PDB file of all heavy atoms in Angstrom:
ATOM      1  N   VAL A   1     -84.183 -18.452  42.575  1.00  0.00           N
ATOM      2  CA  VAL A   1     -84.597 -19.518  41.664  1.00  0.00           C
ATOM      3  C   VAL A   1     -83.961 -20.852  42.076  1.00  0.00           C
ATOM      4  O   VAL A   1     -84.636 -21.894  42.146  1.00  0.00           O
ATOM      5  CB  VAL A   1     -84.208 -19.176  40.208  1.00  0.00           C
ATOM      6  CG1 VAL A   1     -84.487 -20.368  39.279  1.00  0.00           C
ATOM      7  CG2 VAL A   1     -84.961 -17.948  39.732  1.00  0.00           C
ATOM      8  N   ILE A   2     -82.678 -20.830  42.349  1.00  0.00           N
ATOM      9  CA  ILE A   2     -81.957 -22.064  42.691  1.00  0.00           C
ATOM     10  C   ILE A   2     -82.437 -22.612  44.032  1.00  0.00           C
ATOM     11  O   ILE A   2     -82.596 -23.831  44.196  1.00  0.00           O
ATOM     12  CB  ILE A   2     -80.442 -21.804  42.694  1.00  0.00           C
ATOM     13  CG1 ILE A   2     -79.967 -21.527  41.264  1.00  0.00           C
ATOM     14  CG2 ILE A   2     -79.684 -22.990  43.275  1.00  0.00           C
ATOM     15  CD1 ILE A   2     -78.578 -20.984  41.171  1.00  0.00           C
ATOM     16  N   ASP A   3     -82.676 -21.729  44.994  1.00  0.00           N
ATOM     17  CA  ASP A   3     -83.203 -22.194  46.284  1.00  0.00           C
ATOM     18  C   ASP A   3     -84.584 -22.827  46.110  1.00  0.00           C
ATOM     19  O   ASP A   3     -84.907 -23.828  46.772  1.00  0.00           O
ATOM     20  CB  ASP A   3     -83.282 -21.030  47.277  1.00  0.00           C
ATOM     21  CG  ASP A   3     -81.907 -20.588  47.764  1.00  0.00           C
ATOM     22  OD1 ASP A   3     -80.928 -21.332  47.545  1.00  0.00           O
ATOM     23  OD2 ASP A   3     -81.815 -19.488  48.365  1.00  0.00           O
ATOM     24  N   ALA A   4     -85.390 -22.266  45.215  1.00  0.00           N
ATOM     25  CA  ALA A   4     -86.711 -22.846  44.950  1.00  0.00           C
ATOM     26  C   ALA A   4     -86.567 -24.195  44.250  1.00  0.00           C
ATOM     27  O   ALA A   4     -87.317 -25.141  44.524  1.00  0.00           O
ATOM     28  CB  ALA A   4     -87.544 -21.887  44.104  1.00  0.00           C
ATOM     29  N   GLN A   5     -85.592 -24.303  43.336  1.00  0.00           N
ATOM     30  CA  GLN A   5     -85.328 -25.597  42.703  1.00  0.00           C
ATOM     31  C   GLN A   5     -84.881 -26.618  43.746  1.00  0.00           C
ATOM     32  O   GLN A   5     -85.264 -27.796  43.678  1.00  0.00           O
ATOM     33  CB  GLN A   5     -84.242 -25.448  41.635  1.00  0.00           C
ATOM     34  CG  GLN A   5     -84.704 -24.738  40.376  1.00  0.00           C
ATOM     35  CD  GLN A   5     -83.582 -24.611  39.357  1.00  0.00           C
ATOM     36  OE1 GLN A   5     -82.397 -24.578  39.702  1.00  0.00           O
ATOM     37  NE2 GLN A   5     -83.940 -24.537  38.083  1.00  0.00           N
ATOM     38  N   ARG A   6     -84.089 -26.173  44.683  1.00  0.00           N
ATOM     39  CA  ARG A   6     -83.633 -27.061  45.753  1.00  0.00           C
ATOM     40  C   ARG A   6     -84.817 -27.558  46.579  1.00  0.00           C
ATOM     41  O   ARG A   6     -84.872 -28.736  46.977  1.00  0.00           O
ATOM     42  CB  ARG A   6     -82.631 -26.316  46.644  1.00  0.00           C
ATOM     43  CG  ARG A   6     -82.183 -27.077  47.879  1.00  0.00           C
ATOM     44  CD  ARG A   6     -81.488 -28.360  47.521  1.00  0.00           C
ATOM     45  NE  ARG A   6     -81.025 -29.072  48.694  1.00  0.00           N
ATOM     46  CZ  ARG A   6     -80.895 -30.387  48.753  1.00  0.00           C
ATOM     47  NH1 ARG A   6     -81.209 -31.132  47.720  1.00  0.00           N
ATOM     48  NH2 ARG A   6     -80.461 -30.963  49.848  1.00  0.00           N
ATOM     49  N   ALA A   7     -85.783 -26.680  46.831  1.00  0.00           N
ATOM     50  CA  ALA A   7     -86.978 -27.087  47.578  1.00  0.00           C
ATOM     51  C   ALA A   7     -87.751 -28.154  46.807  1.00  0.00           C
ATOM     52  O   ALA A   7     -88.239 -29.129  47.403  1.00  0.00           O
ATOM     53  CB  ALA A   7     -87.858 -25.873  47.856  1.00  0.00           C
ATOM     54  N   VAL A   8     -87.858 -27.986  45.482  1.00  0.00           N
ATOM     55  CA  VAL A   8     -88.531 -28.994  44.664  1.00  0.00           C
ATOM     56  C   VAL A   8     -87.751 -30.306  44.712  1.00  0.00           C
ATOM     57  O   VAL A   8     -88.325 -31.393  44.834  1.00  0.00           O
ATOM     58  CB  VAL A   8     -88.687 -28.513  43.207  1.00  0.00           C
ATOM     59  CG1 VAL A   8     -89.274 -29.621  42.334  1.00  0.00           C
ATOM     60  CG2 VAL A   8     -89.555 -27.269  43.142  1.00  0.00           C
ATOM     61  N   GLN A   9     -86.434 -30.208  44.645  1.00  0.00           N
ATOM     62  CA  GLN A   9     -85.595 -31.398  44.693  1.00  0.00           C
ATOM     63  C   GLN A   9     -85.779 -32.137  46.017  1.00  0.00           C
ATOM     64  O   GLN A   9     -85.858 -33.378  46.048  1.00  0.00           O
ATOM     65  CB  GLN A   9     -84.124 -31.010  44.506  1.00  0.00           C
ATOM     66  CG  GLN A   9     -83.192 -32.198  44.332  1.00  0.00           C
ATOM     67  CD  GLN A   9     -81.741 -31.774  44.254  1.00  0.00           C
ATOM     68  OE1 GLN A   9     -81.309 -30.870  44.966  1.00  0.00           O
ATOM     69  NE2 GLN A   9     -80.969 -32.425  43.398  1.00  0.00           N
ATOM     70  N   GLN A  10     -85.861 -31.396  47.113  1.00  0.00           N
ATOM     71  CA  GLN A  10     -86.081 -32.031  48.407  1.00  0.00           C
ATOM     72  C   GLN A  10     -87.445 -32.711  48.455  1.00  0.00           C
ATOM     73  O   GLN A  10     -87.591 -33.786  49.049  1.00  0.00           O
ATOM     74  CB  GLN A  10     -85.962 -30.983  49.518  1.00  0.00           C
ATOM     75  CG  GLN A  10     -84.531 -30.515  49.748  1.00  0.00           C
ATOM     76  CD  GLN A  10     -84.445 -29.357  50.726  1.00  0.00           C
ATOM     77  OE1 GLN A  10     -85.285 -28.461  50.728  1.00  0.00           O
ATOM     78  NE2 GLN A  10     -83.445 -29.375  51.577  1.00  0.00           N
ATOM     79  N   THR A  11     -88.443 -32.098  47.814  1.00  0.00           N
ATOM     80  CA  THR A  11     -89.763 -32.716  47.757  1.00  0.00           C
ATOM     81  C   THR A  11     -89.718 -34.022  46.975  1.00  0.00           C
ATOM     82  O   THR A  11     -90.320 -35.026  47.388  1.00  0.00           O
ATOM     83  CB  THR A  11     -90.778 -31.755  47.103  1.00  0.00           C
ATOM     84  OG1 THR A  11     -90.835 -30.552  47.849  1.00  0.00           O
ATOM     85  CG2 THR A  11     -92.163 -32.379  47.054  1.00  0.00           C
ATOM     86  N   VAL A  12     -89.004 -34.015  45.849  1.00  0.00           N
ATOM     87  CA  VAL A  12     -88.844 -35.244  45.068  1.00  0.00           C
ATOM     88  C   VAL A  12     -88.143 -36.308  45.915  1.00  0.00           C
ATOM     89  O   VAL A  12     -88.546 -37.483  45.928  1.00  0.00           O
ATOM     90  CB  VAL A  12     -88.054 -34.972  43.776  1.00  0.00           C
ATOM     91  CG1 VAL A  12     -87.759 -36.282  43.034  1.00  0.00           C
ATOM     92  CG2 VAL A  12     -88.810 -34.014  42.871  1.00  0.00           C
ATOM     93  N   GLY A  13     -87.097 -35.902  46.628  1.00  0.00           N
ATOM     94  CA  GLY A  13     -86.394 -36.841  47.499  1.00  0.00           C
ATOM     95  C   GLY A  13     -87.294 -37.391  48.597  1.00  0.00           C
ATOM     96  O   GLY A  13     -87.248 -38.589  48.910  1.00  0.00           O
ATOM     97  N   ASP A  14     -88.137 -36.533  49.164  1.00  0.00           N
ATOM     98  CA  ASP A  14     -89.075 -36.993  50.195  1.00  0.00           C
ATOM     99  C   ASP A  14     -90.081 -37.982  49.615  1.00  0.00           C
ATOM    100  O   ASP A  14     -90.452 -38.966  50.273  1.00  0.00           O
ATOM    101  CB  ASP A  14     -89.807 -35.796  50.805  1.00  0.00           C
ATOM    102  CG  ASP A  14     -88.896 -34.930  51.669  1.00  0.00           C
ATOM    103  OD1 ASP A  14     -87.837 -35.435  52.095  1.00  0.00           O
ATOM    104  OD2 ASP A  14     -89.251 -33.757  51.915  1.00  0.00           O
ATOM    105  N   ASP A  15     -90.523 -37.729  48.377  1.00  0.00           N
ATOM    106  CA  ASP A  15     -91.461 -38.650  47.712  1.00  0.00           C
ATOM    107  C   ASP A  15     -90.812 -40.025  47.523  1.00  0.00           C
ATOM    108  O   ASP A  15     -91.441 -41.065  47.775  1.00  0.00           O
ATOM    109  CB  ASP A  15     -91.895 -38.095  46.353  1.00  0.00           C
ATOM    110  CG  ASP A  15     -92.785 -36.865  46.477  1.00  0.00           C
ATOM    111  OD1 ASP A  15     -93.312 -36.619  47.584  1.00  0.00           O
ATOM    112  OD2 ASP A  15     -92.938 -36.142  45.464  1.00  0.00           O
ATOM    113  N   VAL A  16     -89.565 -40.025  47.078  1.00  0.00           N
ATOM    114  CA  VAL A  16     -88.857 -41.290  46.861  1.00  0.00           C
ATOM    115  C   VAL A  16     -88.639 -42.005  48.180  1.00  0.00           C
ATOM    116  O   VAL A  16     -88.858 -43.226  48.296  1.00  0.00           O
ATOM    117  CB  VAL A  16     -87.501 -41.051  46.156  1.00  0.00           C
ATOM    118  CG1 VAL A  16     -86.726 -42.355  46.046  1.00  0.00           C
ATOM    119  CG2 VAL A  16     -87.713 -40.454  44.785  1.00  0.00           C
ATOM    120  N   ARG A  17     -88.226 -41.250  49.195  1.00  0.00           N
ATOM    121  CA  ARG A  17     -87.970 -41.853  50.498  1.00  0.00           C
ATOM    122  C   ARG A  17     -89.250 -42.430  51.101  1.00  0.00           C
ATOM    123  O   ARG A  17     -89.238 -43.510  51.696  1.00  0.00           O
ATOM    124  CB  ARG A  17     -87.357 -40.808  51.439  1.00  0.00           C
ATOM    125  CG  ARG A  17     -86.897 -41.379  52.762  1.00  0.00           C
ATOM    126  CD  ARG A  17     -85.850 -40.511  53.420  1.00  0.00           C
ATOM    127  NE  ARG A  17     -86.146 -39.095  53.332  1.00  0.00           N
ATOM    128  CZ  ARG A  17     -85.293 -38.148  53.693  1.00  0.00           C
ATOM    129  NH1 ARG A  17     -84.098 -38.482  54.137  1.00  0.00           N
ATOM    130  NH2 ARG A  17     -85.614 -36.875  53.607  1.00  0.00           N
ATOM    131  N   ALA A  18     -90.371 -41.722  50.922  1.00  0.00           N
ATOM    132  CA  ALA A  18     -91.646 -42.207  51.443  1.00  0.00           C
ATOM    133  C   ALA A  18     -92.066 -43.493  50.728  1.00  0.00           C
ATOM    134  O   ALA A  18     -92.547 -44.444  51.359  1.00  0.00           O
ATOM    135  CB  ALA A  18     -92.720 -41.135  51.285  1.00  0.00           C
ATOM    136  N   ARG A  19     -91.892 -43.523  49.398  1.00  0.00           N
ATOM    137  CA  ARG A  19     -92.242 -44.721  48.642  1.00  0.00           C
ATOM    138  C   ARG A  19     -91.364 -45.897  49.055  1.00  0.00           C
ATOM    139  O   ARG A  19     -91.855 -47.019  49.243  1.00  0.00           O
ATOM    140  CB  ARG A  19     -92.088 -44.442  47.148  1.00  0.00           C
ATOM    141  CG  ARG A  19     -92.277 -45.650  46.244  1.00  0.00           C
ATOM    142  CD  ARG A  19     -93.668 -46.228  46.354  1.00  0.00           C
ATOM    143  NE  ARG A  19     -93.837 -47.358  45.444  1.00  0.00           N
ATOM    144  CZ  ARG A  19     -94.858 -48.189  45.475  1.00  0.00           C
ATOM    145  NH1 ARG A  19     -95.835 -48.005  46.368  1.00  0.00           N
ATOM    146  NH2 ARG A  19     -94.945 -49.199  44.624  1.00  0.00           N
ATOM    147  N   ALA A  20     -90.062 -45.650  49.214  1.00  0.00           N
ATOM    148  CA  ALA A  20     -89.154 -46.715  49.632  1.00  0.00           C
ATOM    149  C   ALA A  20     -89.501 -47.202  51.032  1.00  0.00           C
ATOM    150  O   ALA A  20     -89.437 -48.406  51.326  1.00  0.00           O
ATOM    151  CB  ALA A  20     -87.709 -46.218  49.580  1.00  0.00           C
ATOM    152  N   ALA A  21     -89.872 -46.272  51.921  1.00  0.00           N
ATOM    153  CA  ALA A  21     -90.262 -46.656  53.277  1.00  0.00           C
ATOM    154  C   ALA A  21     -91.541 -47.495  53.262  1.00  0.00           C
ATOM    155  O   ALA A  21     -91.672 -48.461  54.027  1.00  0.00           O
ATOM    156  CB  ALA A  21     -90.462 -45.412  54.132  1.00  0.00           C
ATOM    157  N   ASP A  22     -92.485 -47.143  52.377  1.00  0.00           N
ATOM    158  CA  ASP A  22     -93.713 -47.944  52.241  1.00  0.00           C
ATOM    159  C   ASP A  22     -93.381 -49.355  51.774  1.00  0.00           C
ATOM    160  O   ASP A  22     -93.950 -50.342  52.274  1.00  0.00           O
ATOM    161  CB  ASP A  22     -94.673 -47.281  51.251  1.00  0.00           C
ATOM    162  CG  ASP A  22     -95.313 -46.018  51.812  1.00  0.00           C
ATOM    163  OD1 ASP A  22     -95.272 -45.838  53.046  1.00  0.00           O
ATOM    164  OD2 ASP A  22     -95.832 -45.217  51.014  1.00  0.00           O
ATOM    165  N   LEU A  23     -92.477 -49.453  50.794  1.00  0.00           N
ATOM    166  CA  LEU A  23     -92.086 -50.765  50.296  1.00  0.00           C
ATOM    167  C   LEU A  23     -91.401 -51.576  51.385  1.00  0.00           C
ATOM    168  O   LEU A  23     -91.611 -52.794  51.500  1.00  0.00           O
ATOM    169  CB  LEU A  23     -91.146 -50.617  49.097  1.00  0.00           C
ATOM    170  CG  LEU A  23     -91.763 -50.046  47.819  1.00  0.00           C
ATOM    171  CD1 LEU A  23     -90.680 -49.797  46.775  1.00  0.00           C
ATOM    172  CD2 LEU A  23     -92.826 -50.999  47.262  1.00  0.00           C
ATOM    173  N   ARG A  24     -90.594 -50.914  52.194  1.00  0.00           N
ATOM    174  CA  ARG A  24     -89.911 -51.616  53.289  1.00  0.00           C
ATOM    175  C   ARG A  24     -90.920 -52.114  54.313  1.00  0.00           C
ATOM    176  O   ARG A  24     -90.814 -53.238  54.806  1.00  0.00           O
ATOM    177  CB  ARG A  24     -88.902 -50.669  53.938  1.00  0.00           C
ATOM    178  CG  ARG A  24     -88.000 -51.355  54.947  1.00  0.00           C
ATOM    179  CD  ARG A  24     -87.018 -50.383  55.550  1.00  0.00           C
ATOM    180  NE  ARG A  24     -85.929 -51.066  56.211  1.00  0.00           N
ATOM    181  CZ  ARG A  24     -84.959 -50.449  56.879  1.00  0.00           C
ATOM    182  NH1 ARG A  24     -84.936 -49.132  56.949  1.00  0.00           N
ATOM    183  NH2 ARG A  24     -84.011 -51.142  57.460  1.00  0.00           N
ATOM    184  N   ARG A  25     -91.914 -51.278  54.634  1.00  0.00           N
ATOM    185  CA  ARG A  25     -92.936 -51.686  55.585  1.00  0.00           C
ATOM    186  C   ARG A  25     -93.763 -52.845  55.035  1.00  0.00           C
ATOM    187  O   ARG A  25     -94.047 -53.817  55.735  1.00  0.00           O
ATOM    188  CB  ARG A  25     -93.849 -50.502  55.913  1.00  0.00           C
ATOM    189  CG  ARG A  25     -94.888 -50.826  56.991  1.00  0.00           C
ATOM    190  CD  ARG A  25     -95.827 -49.675  57.245  1.00  0.00           C
ATOM    191  NE  ARG A  25     -96.602 -49.350  56.063  1.00  0.00           N
ATOM    192  CZ  ARG A  25     -96.438 -48.258  55.338  1.00  0.00           C
ATOM    193  NH1 ARG A  25     -95.505 -47.381  55.659  1.00  0.00           N
ATOM    194  NH2 ARG A  25     -97.190 -48.032  54.265  1.00  0.00           N
ATOM    195  N   ASP A  26     -94.126 -52.756  53.743  1.00  0.00           N
ATOM    196  CA  ASP A  26     -94.893 -53.839  53.123  1.00  0.00           C
ATOM    197  C   ASP A  26     -94.097 -55.143  53.126  1.00  0.00           C
ATOM    198  O   ASP A  26     -94.652 -56.223  53.390  1.00  0.00           O
ATOM    199  CB  ASP A  26     -95.272 -53.469  51.688  1.00  0.00           C
ATOM    200  CG  ASP A  26     -96.261 -52.314  51.626  1.00  0.00           C
ATOM    201  OD1 ASP A  26     -96.883 -52.003  52.677  1.00  0.00           O
ATOM    202  OD2 ASP A  26     -96.416 -51.716  50.540  1.00  0.00           O
ATOM    203  N   ALA A  27     -92.799 -55.031  52.805  1.00  0.00           N
ATOM    204  CA  ALA A  27     -91.960 -56.227  52.805  1.00  0.00           C
ATOM    205  C   ALA A  27     -91.857 -56.825  54.201  1.00  0.00           C
ATOM    206  O   ALA A  27     -91.873 -58.058  54.366  1.00  0.00           O
ATOM    207  CB  ALA A  27     -90.565 -55.885  52.273  1.00  0.00           C
ATOM    208  N   ALA A  28     -91.770 -55.962  55.220  1.00  0.00           N
ATOM    209  CA  ALA A  28     -91.696 -56.453  56.600  1.00  0.00           C
ATOM    210  C   ALA A  28     -92.990 -57.147  56.994  1.00  0.00           C
ATOM    211  O   ALA A  28     -92.976 -58.200  57.654  1.00  0.00           O
ATOM    212  CB  ALA A  28     -91.402 -55.295  57.540  1.00  0.00           C
ATOM    213  N   LEU A  29     -94.137 -56.578  56.589  1.00  0.00           N
ATOM    214  CA  LEU A  29     -95.431 -57.188  56.921  1.00  0.00           C
ATOM    215  C   LEU A  29     -95.598 -58.534  56.219  1.00  0.00           C
ATOM    216  O   LEU A  29     -96.075 -59.502  56.823  1.00  0.00           O
ATOM    217  CB  LEU A  29     -96.570 -56.236  56.527  1.00  0.00           C
ATOM    218  CG  LEU A  29     -96.701 -54.958  57.361  1.00  0.00           C
ATOM    219  CD1 LEU A  29     -97.771 -54.042  56.779  1.00  0.00           C
ATOM    220  CD2 LEU A  29     -97.033 -55.304  58.816  1.00  0.00           C
TER     221      LEU A  29
END
């Protein structure tokens, strides 16, 4: 259960990182 929660947490982190990276790219453009 905890390992599966960790996988969800990593997915949430990837979503945040992707959004932040998009914002950084938009700001650079």
